[in-house]
């Protein structure tokens, strides 16, 4: 079983990796020589990464809120996605 600190490290690494991938996708999309097909593929990947990043940020925000409220052993619940 993984410890809490290794889970935290994995989450941070995944977040950083996702943001770097998203930055690379943005560069591809900004390149005028990129084909329409490649642009659409990159756009779809970017949307999926953005959703993943947003989920990570929401979880981090929830943890911060719980820590500020002084809960000793927080229980994390999924936020319902607002559209």
PDB file of N, CA and C in Angstrom:
ATOM      1  N   UNK A   1       0.840  -1.186   0.000  1.00  0.00           N
ATOM      2  CA  UNK A   1       0.000   0.000   0.000  1.00  0.00           C
ATOM      3  C   UNK A   1       0.883   1.247   0.000  1.00  0.00           C
ATOM      4  N   UNK A   2       0.563   2.211  -0.815  1.00  0.00           N
ATOM      5  CA  UNK A   2       1.355   3.437  -0.931  1.00  0.00           C
ATOM      6  C   UNK A   2       1.069   4.354   0.236  1.00  0.00           C
ATOM      7  N   UNK A   3       2.116   5.047   0.679  1.00  0.00           N
ATOM      8  CA  UNK A   3       1.925   5.993   1.773  1.00  0.00           C
ATOM      9  C   UNK A   3       1.276   7.267   1.246  1.00  0.00           C
ATOM     10  N   UNK A   4       0.764   8.082   2.186  1.00  0.00           N
ATOM     11  CA  UNK A   4       0.116   9.331   1.791  1.00  0.00           C
ATOM     12  C   UNK A   4       1.079  10.250   1.073  1.00  0.00           C
ATOM     13  N   UNK A   5       2.344  10.308   1.535  1.00  0.00           N
ATOM     14  CA  UNK A   5       3.301  11.215   0.906  1.00  0.00           C
ATOM     15  C   UNK A   5       3.650  10.768  -0.511  1.00  0.00           C
ATOM     16  N   UNK A   6       3.732   9.457  -0.767  1.00  0.00           N
ATOM     17  CA  UNK A   6       4.016   9.025  -2.129  1.00  0.00           C
ATOM     18  C   UNK A   6       2.823   9.273  -3.040  1.00  0.00           C
ATOM     19  N   UNK A   7       1.603   9.140  -2.507  1.00  0.00           N
ATOM     20  CA  UNK A   7       0.418   9.471  -3.296  1.00  0.00           C
ATOM     21  C   UNK A   7       0.428  10.946  -3.646  1.00  0.00           C
ATOM     22  N   UNK A   8       0.792  11.776  -2.671  1.00  0.00           N
ATOM     23  CA  UNK A   8       0.863  13.225  -2.900  1.00  0.00           C
ATOM     24  C   UNK A   8       1.901  13.526  -3.977  1.00  0.00           C
ATOM     25  N   UNK A   9       3.067  12.884  -3.879  1.00  0.00           N
ATOM     26  CA  UNK A   9       4.120  13.098  -4.865  1.00  0.00           C
ATOM     27  C   UNK A   9       3.696  12.675  -6.254  1.00  0.00           C
ATOM     28  N   UNK A  10       2.983  11.547  -6.341  1.00  0.00           N
ATOM     29  CA  UNK A  10       2.481  11.075  -7.630  1.00  0.00           C
ATOM     30  C   UNK A  10       1.476  12.068  -8.206  1.00  0.00           C
ATOM     31  N   UNK A  11       0.622  12.614  -7.358  1.00  0.00           N
ATOM     32  CA  UNK A  11      -0.376  13.582  -7.808  1.00  0.00           C
ATOM     33  C   UNK A  11       0.263  14.855  -8.326  1.00  0.00           C
ATOM     34  N   UNK A  12       1.279  15.317  -7.618  1.00  0.00           N
ATOM     35  CA  UNK A  12       1.989  16.531  -8.033  1.00  0.00           C
ATOM     36  C   UNK A  12       2.705  16.284  -9.357  1.00  0.00           C
ATOM     37  N   UNK A  13       3.359  15.131  -9.474  1.00  0.00           N
ATOM     38  CA  UNK A  13       4.071  14.809 -10.712  1.00  0.00           C
ATOM     39  C   UNK A  13       3.099  14.704 -11.884  1.00  0.00           C
ATOM     40  N   UNK A  14       1.958  14.083 -11.655  1.00  0.00           N
ATOM     41  CA  UNK A  14       0.951  13.953 -12.714  1.00  0.00           C
ATOM     42  C   UNK A  14       0.417  15.325 -13.118  1.00  0.00           C
ATOM     43  N   UNK A  15       0.175  16.186 -12.139  1.00  0.00           N
ATOM     44  CA  UNK A  15      -0.311  17.538 -12.416  1.00  0.00           C
ATOM     45  C   UNK A  15       0.711  18.304 -13.249  1.00  0.00           C
ATOM     46  N   UNK A  16       1.971  18.251 -12.826  1.00  0.00           N
ATOM     47  CA  UNK A  16       3.021  18.969 -13.557  1.00  0.00           C
ATOM     48  C   UNK A  16       3.194  18.415 -14.967  1.00  0.00           C
ATOM     49  N   UNK A  17       3.123  17.100 -15.101  1.00  0.00           N
ATOM     50  CA  UNK A  17       3.228  16.479 -16.416  1.00  0.00           C
ATOM     51  C   UNK A  17       2.069  16.914 -17.316  1.00  0.00           C
ATOM     52  N   UNK A  18       0.872  16.942 -16.754  1.00  0.00           N
ATOM     53  CA  UNK A  18      -0.307  17.351 -17.529  1.00  0.00           C
ATOM     54  C   UNK A  18      -0.207  18.792 -17.984  1.00  0.00           C
ATOM     55  N   UNK A  19       0.286  19.670 -17.110  1.00  0.00           N
ATOM     56  CA  UNK A  19       0.398  21.079 -17.505  1.00  0.00           C
ATOM     57  C   UNK A  19       1.456  21.254 -18.594  1.00  0.00           C
ATOM     58  N   UNK A  20       2.552  20.484 -18.527  1.00  0.00           N
ATOM     59  CA  UNK A  20       3.576  20.564 -19.577  1.00  0.00           C
ATOM     60  C   UNK A  20       3.030  20.037 -20.903  1.00  0.00           C
ATOM     61  N   UNK A  21       2.262  18.958 -20.840  1.00  0.00           N
ATOM     62  CA  UNK A  21       1.653  18.426 -22.059  1.00  0.00           C
ATOM     63  C   UNK A  21       0.689  19.441 -22.656  1.00  0.00           C
ATOM     64  N   UNK A  22      -0.073  20.104 -21.797  1.00  0.00           N
ATOM     65  CA  UNK A  22      -1.023  21.107 -22.276  1.00  0.00           C
ATOM     66  C   UNK A  22      -0.293  22.279 -22.923  1.00  0.00           C
ATOM     67  N   UNK A  23       0.819  22.698 -22.338  1.00  0.00           N
ATOM     68  CA  UNK A  23       1.615  23.774 -22.942  1.00  0.00           C
ATOM     69  C   UNK A  23       2.116  23.370 -24.329  1.00  0.00           C
ATOM     70  N   UNK A  24       2.540  22.115 -24.476  1.00  0.00           N
ATOM     71  CA  UNK A  24       3.013  21.630 -25.780  1.00  0.00           C
ATOM     72  C   UNK A  24       1.868  21.616 -26.793  1.00  0.00           C
ATOM     73  N   UNK A  25       0.696  21.229 -26.348  1.00  0.00           N
ATOM     74  CA  UNK A  25      -0.473  21.205 -27.234  1.00  0.00           C
ATOM     75  C   UNK A  25      -0.823  22.617 -27.687  1.00  0.00           C
ATOM     76  N   UNK A  26      -0.735  23.567 -26.788  1.00  0.00           N
ATOM     77  CA  UNK A  26      -1.020  24.960 -27.141  1.00  0.00           C
ATOM     78  C   UNK A  26      -0.067  25.439 -28.234  1.00  0.00           C
ATOM     79  N   UNK A  27       1.197  25.065 -28.120  1.00  0.00           N
ATOM     80  CA  UNK A  27       2.167  25.457 -29.151  1.00  0.00           C
ATOM     81  C   UNK A  27       1.803  24.850 -30.498  1.00  0.00           C
ATOM     82  N   UNK A  28       1.365  23.591 -30.486  1.00  0.00           N
ATOM     83  CA  UNK A  28       0.951  22.932 -31.737  1.00  0.00           C
ATOM     84  C   UNK A  28      -0.235  23.676 -32.338  1.00  0.00           C
ATOM     85  N   UNK A  29      -1.201  24.023 -31.496  1.00  0.00           N
ATOM     86  CA  UNK A  29      -2.405  24.701 -31.984  1.00  0.00           C
ATOM     87  C   UNK A  29      -2.109  26.110 -32.486  1.00  0.00           C
ATOM     88  N   UNK A  30      -1.102  26.756 -31.912  1.00  0.00           N
ATOM     89  CA  UNK A  30      -0.746  28.107 -32.346  1.00  0.00           C
ATOM     90  C   UNK A  30       0.061  28.114 -33.641  1.00  0.00           C
ATOM     91  N   UNK A  31       0.608  26.968 -34.008  1.00  0.00           N
ATOM     92  CA  UNK A  31       1.417  26.861 -35.227  1.00  0.00           C
ATOM     93  C   UNK A  31       0.481  26.837 -36.437  1.00  0.00           C
ATOM     94  N   UNK A  32       0.607  27.829 -37.275  1.00  0.00           N
ATOM     95  CA  UNK A  32      -0.281  27.956 -38.438  1.00  0.00           C
ATOM     96  C   UNK A  32      -0.089  26.836 -39.455  1.00  0.00           C
ATOM     97  N   UNK A  33       1.042  26.148 -39.410  1.00  0.00           N
ATOM     98  CA  UNK A  33       1.288  25.078 -40.382  1.00  0.00           C
ATOM     99  C   UNK A  33       0.693  23.736 -39.949  1.00  0.00           C
ATOM    100  N   UNK A  34       0.110  23.670 -38.757  1.00  0.00           N
ATOM    101  CA  UNK A  34      -0.502  22.432 -38.276  1.00  0.00           C
ATOM    102  C   UNK A  34      -1.761  22.132 -39.082  1.00  0.00           C
ATOM    103  N   UNK A  35      -1.884  20.885 -39.514  1.00  0.00           N
ATOM    104  CA  UNK A  35      -3.056  20.491 -40.307  1.00  0.00           C
ATOM    105  C   UNK A  35      -4.324  20.533 -39.459  1.00  0.00           C
ATOM    106  N   UNK A  36      -5.445  20.603 -40.141  1.00  0.00           N
ATOM    107  CA  UNK A  36      -6.734  20.617 -39.446  1.00  0.00           C
ATOM    108  C   UNK A  36      -6.913  19.337 -38.636  1.00  0.00           C
ATOM    109  N   UNK A  37      -6.556  18.215 -39.226  1.00  0.00           N
ATOM    110  CA  UNK A  37      -6.696  16.924 -38.533  1.00  0.00           C
ATOM    111  C   UNK A  37      -5.858  16.896 -37.248  1.00  0.00           C
ATOM    112  N   UNK A  38      -4.601  17.337 -37.345  1.00  0.00           N
ATOM    113  CA  UNK A  38      -3.717  17.373 -36.174  1.00  0.00           C
ATOM    114  C   UNK A  38      -4.238  18.386 -35.154  1.00  0.00           C
ATOM    115  N   UNK A  39      -4.759  19.502 -35.622  1.00  0.00           N
ATOM    116  CA  UNK A  39      -5.307  20.513 -34.718  1.00  0.00           C
ATOM    117  C   UNK A  39      -6.491  19.960 -33.928  1.00  0.00           C
ATOM    118  N   UNK A  40      -7.385  19.245 -34.615  1.00  0.00           N
ATOM    119  CA  UNK A  40      -8.547  18.670 -33.934  1.00  0.00           C
ATOM    120  C   UNK A  40      -8.125  17.607 -32.921  1.00  0.00           C
ATOM    121  N   UNK A  41      -7.162  16.789 -33.306  1.00  0.00           N
ATOM    122  CA  UNK A  41      -6.652  15.760 -32.401  1.00  0.00           C
ATOM    123  C   UNK A  41      -6.011  16.411 -31.164  1.00  0.00           C
ATOM    124  N   UNK A  42      -5.214  17.425 -31.398  1.00  0.00           N
ATOM    125  CA  UNK A  42      -4.561  18.138 -30.295  1.00  0.00           C
ATOM    126  C   UNK A  42      -5.580  18.847 -29.415  1.00  0.00           C
ATOM    127  N   UNK A  43      -6.589  19.432 -30.033  1.00  0.00           N
ATOM    128  CA  UNK A  43      -7.632  20.110 -29.274  1.00  0.00           C
ATOM    129  C   UNK A  43      -8.341  19.128 -28.342  1.00  0.00           C
ATOM    130  N   UNK A  44      -8.662  17.945 -28.851  1.00  0.00           N
ATOM    131  CA  UNK A  44      -9.330  16.928 -28.031  1.00  0.00           C
ATOM    132  C   UNK A  44      -8.442  16.506 -26.857  1.00  0.00           C
ATOM    133  N   UNK A  45      -7.147  16.309 -27.120  1.00  0.00           N
ATOM    134  CA  UNK A  45      -6.217  15.968 -26.040  1.00  0.00           C
ATOM    135  C   UNK A  45      -6.154  17.100 -25.015  1.00  0.00           C
ATOM    136  N   UNK A  46      -6.143  18.324 -25.503  1.00  0.00           N
ATOM    137  CA  UNK A  46      -6.094  19.486 -24.613  1.00  0.00           C
ATOM    138  C   UNK A  46      -7.316  19.577 -23.720  1.00  0.00           C
ATOM    139  N   UNK A  47      -8.484  19.299 -24.279  1.00  0.00           N
ATOM    140  CA  UNK A  47      -9.716  19.325 -23.486  1.00  0.00           C
ATOM    141  C   UNK A  47      -9.650  18.273 -22.387  1.00  0.00           C
ATOM    142  N   UNK A  48      -9.202  17.062 -22.734  1.00  0.00           N
ATOM    143  CA  UNK A  48      -9.096  15.995 -21.738  1.00  0.00           C
ATOM    144  C   UNK A  48      -8.094  16.346 -20.642  1.00  0.00           C
ATOM    145  N   UNK A  49      -6.957  16.921 -21.026  1.00  0.00           N
ATOM    146  CA  UNK A  49      -5.971  17.347 -20.034  1.00  0.00           C
ATOM    147  C   UNK A  49      -6.517  18.464 -19.153  1.00  0.00           C
ATOM    148  N   UNK A  50      -7.228  19.407 -19.754  1.00  0.00           N
ATOM    149  CA  UNK A  50      -7.804  20.510 -18.997  1.00  0.00           C
ATOM    150  C   UNK A  50      -8.777  19.991 -17.943  1.00  0.00           C
ATOM    151  N   UNK A  51      -9.583  19.018 -18.313  1.00  0.00           N
ATOM    152  CA  UNK A  51     -10.526  18.429 -17.346  1.00  0.00           C
ATOM    153  C   UNK A  51      -9.781  17.739 -16.209  1.00  0.00           C
ATOM    154  N   UNK A  52      -8.724  17.027 -16.546  1.00  0.00           N
ATOM    155  CA  UNK A  52      -7.926  16.340 -15.536  1.00  0.00           C
ATOM    156  C   UNK A  52      -7.260  17.343 -14.587  1.00  0.00           C
ATOM    157  N   UNK A  53      -6.712  18.400 -15.158  1.00  0.00           N
ATOM    158  CA  UNK A  53      -6.071  19.444 -14.357  1.00  0.00           C
ATOM    159  C   UNK A  53      -7.096  20.127 -13.452  1.00  0.00           C
ATOM    160  N   UNK A  54      -8.267  20.421 -13.992  1.00  0.00           N
ATOM    161  CA  UNK A  54      -9.312  21.075 -13.199  1.00  0.00           C
ATOM    162  C   UNK A  54      -9.738  20.185 -12.036  1.00  0.00           C
ATOM    163  N   UNK A  55      -9.825  18.885 -12.267  1.00  0.00           N
ATOM    164  CA  UNK A  55     -10.194  17.951 -11.202  1.00  0.00           C
ATOM    165  C   UNK A  55      -9.131  17.974 -10.102  1.00  0.00           C
ATOM    166  N   UNK A  56      -7.861  17.964 -10.503  1.00  0.00           N
ATOM    167  CA  UNK A  56      -6.765  18.018  -9.531  1.00  0.00           C
ATOM    168  C   UNK A  56      -6.814  19.304  -8.713  1.00  0.00           C
ATOM    169  N   UNK A  57      -7.077  20.417  -9.383  1.00  0.00           N
ATOM    170  CA  UNK A  57      -7.164  21.699  -8.677  1.00  0.00           C
ATOM    171  C   UNK A  57      -8.351  21.729  -7.717  1.00  0.00           C
ATOM    172  N   UNK A  58      -9.469  21.168  -8.121  1.00  0.00           N
ATOM    173  CA  UNK A  58     -10.649  21.116  -7.249  1.00  0.00           C
ATOM    174  C   UNK A  58     -10.381  20.275  -6.011  1.00  0.00           C
ATOM    175  N   UNK A  59      -9.691  19.146  -6.202  1.00  0.00           N
ATOM    176  CA  UNK A  59      -9.355  18.290  -5.065  1.00  0.00           C
ATOM    177  C   UNK A  59      -8.403  19.008  -4.111  1.00  0.00           C
ATOM    178  N   UNK A  60      -7.427  19.721  -4.662  1.00  0.00           N
ATOM    179  CA  UNK A  60      -6.493  20.467  -3.824  1.00  0.00           C
ATOM    180  C   UNK A  60      -7.214  21.577  -3.068  1.00  0.00           C
ATOM    181  N   UNK A  61      -8.129  22.265  -3.751  1.00  0.00           N
ATOM    182  CA  UNK A  61      -8.904  23.323  -3.097  1.00  0.00           C
ATOM    183  C   UNK A  61      -9.746  22.756  -1.964  1.00  0.00           C
ATOM    184  N   UNK A  62     -10.346  21.608  -2.186  1.00  0.00           N
ATOM    185  CA  UNK A  62     -11.161  20.971  -1.157  1.00  0.00           C
ATOM    186  C   UNK A  62     -10.295  20.613   0.051  1.00  0.00           C
ATOM    187  N   UNK A  63      -9.105  20.093  -0.193  1.00  0.00           N
ATOM    188  CA  UNK A  63      -8.208  19.731   0.900  1.00  0.00           C
ATOM    189  C   UNK A  63      -7.810  20.969   1.703  1.00  0.00           C
ATOM    190  N   UNK A  64      -7.485  22.052   1.007  1.00  0.00           N
ATOM    191  CA  UNK A  64      -7.122  23.296   1.691  1.00  0.00           C
ATOM    192  C   UNK A  64      -8.283  23.799   2.547  1.00  0.00           C
ATOM    193  N   UNK A  65      -9.487  23.773   1.996  1.00  0.00           N
ATOM    194  CA  UNK A  65     -10.655  24.222   2.757  1.00  0.00           C
ATOM    195  C   UNK A  65     -10.856  23.386   4.015  1.00  0.00           C
ATOM    196  N   UNK A  66     -10.689  22.084   3.889  1.00  0.00           N
ATOM    197  CA  UNK A  66     -10.846  21.215   5.053  1.00  0.00           C
ATOM    198  C   UNK A  66      -9.765  21.473   6.091  1.00  0.00           C
ATOM    199  N   UNK A  67      -8.540  21.691   5.640  1.00  0.00           N
ATOM    200  CA  UNK A  67      -7.453  21.978   6.575  1.00  0.00           C
ATOM    201  C   UNK A  67      -7.674  23.309   7.288  1.00  0.00           C
ATOM    202  N   UNK A  68      -8.175  24.284   6.570  1.00  0.00           N
ATOM    203  CA  UNK A  68      -8.448  25.581   7.183  1.00  0.00           C
ATOM    204  C   UNK A  68      -9.586  25.516   8.187  1.00  0.00           C
ATOM    205  N   UNK A  69     -10.500  24.582   7.975  1.00  0.00           N
ATOM    206  CA  UNK A  69     -11.615  24.406   8.903  1.00  0.00           C
ATOM    207  C   UNK A  69     -11.194  23.602  10.128  1.00  0.00           C
ATOM    208  N   UNK A  70      -9.969  23.090  10.125  1.00  0.00           N
ATOM    209  CA  UNK A  70      -9.437  22.412  11.287  1.00  0.00           C
ATOM    210  C   UNK A  70      -9.831  20.959  11.431  1.00  0.00           C
ATOM    211  N   UNK A  71     -10.280  20.342  10.372  1.00  0.00           N
ATOM    212  CA  UNK A  71     -10.623  18.931  10.464  1.00  0.00           C
ATOM    213  C   UNK A  71      -9.342  18.115  10.605  1.00  0.00           C
ATOM    214  N   UNK A  72      -9.331  17.187  11.544  1.00  0.00           N
ATOM    215  CA  UNK A  72      -8.148  16.370  11.818  1.00  0.00           C
ATOM    216  C   UNK A  72      -7.918  15.312  10.747  1.00  0.00           C
ATOM    217  N   UNK A  73      -8.950  14.612  10.350  1.00  0.00           N
ATOM    218  CA  UNK A  73      -8.825  13.530   9.370  1.00  0.00           C
ATOM    219  C   UNK A  73      -9.867  13.754   8.281  1.00  0.00           C
ATOM    220  N   UNK A  74      -9.553  14.601   7.297  1.00  0.00           N
ATOM    221  CA  UNK A  74     -10.560  14.946   6.294  1.00  0.00           C
ATOM    222  C   UNK A  74     -11.003  13.747   5.450  1.00  0.00           C
ATOM    223  N   UNK A  75     -12.266  13.772   5.098  1.00  0.00           N
ATOM    224  CA  UNK A  75     -12.825  12.768   4.199  1.00  0.00           C
ATOM    225  C   UNK A  75     -13.135  13.483   2.900  1.00  0.00           C
ATOM    226  N   UNK A  76     -12.543  12.997   1.819  1.00  0.00           N
ATOM    227  CA  UNK A  76     -12.723  13.656   0.538  1.00  0.00           C
ATOM    228  C   UNK A  76     -13.932  13.083  -0.179  1.00  0.00           C
ATOM    229  N   UNK A  77     -14.723  13.974  -0.711  1.00  0.00           N
ATOM    230  CA  UNK A  77     -15.890  13.596  -1.502  1.00  0.00           C
ATOM    231  C   UNK A  77     -15.755  14.261  -2.857  1.00  0.00           C
ATOM    232  N   UNK A  78     -16.209  13.572  -3.885  1.00  0.00           N
ATOM    233  CA  UNK A  78     -16.166  14.155  -5.225  1.00  0.00           C
ATOM    234  C   UNK A  78     -17.135  15.314  -5.309  1.00  0.00           C
ATOM    235  N   UNK A  79     -16.663  16.402  -5.922  1.00  0.00           N
ATOM    236  CA  UNK A  79     -17.540  17.516  -6.207  1.00  0.00           C
ATOM    237  C   UNK A  79     -18.421  17.129  -7.383  1.00  0.00           C
ATOM    238  N   UNK A  80     -19.639  17.559  -7.366  1.00  0.00           N
ATOM    239  CA  UNK A  80     -20.475  17.354  -8.532  1.00  0.00           C
ATOM    240  C   UNK A  80     -20.079  18.405  -9.554  1.00  0.00           C
ATOM    241  N   UNK A  81     -19.870  17.952 -10.766  1.00  0.00           N
ATOM    242  CA  UNK A  81     -19.428  18.862 -11.813  1.00  0.00           C
ATOM    243  C   UNK A  81     -20.558  19.806 -12.177  1.00  0.00           C
ATOM    244  N   UNK A  82     -20.245  21.093 -12.199  1.00  0.00           N
ATOM    245  CA  UNK A  82     -21.237  22.112 -12.557  1.00  0.00           C
ATOM    246  C   UNK A  82     -21.076  22.444 -14.020  1.00  0.00           C
ATOM    247  N   UNK A  83     -22.179  22.521 -14.726  1.00  0.00           N
ATOM    248  CA  UNK A  83     -22.108  22.870 -16.135  1.00  0.00           C
ATOM    249  C   UNK A  83     -23.034  24.012 -16.424  1.00  0.00           C
TER     250      UNK A  83
END
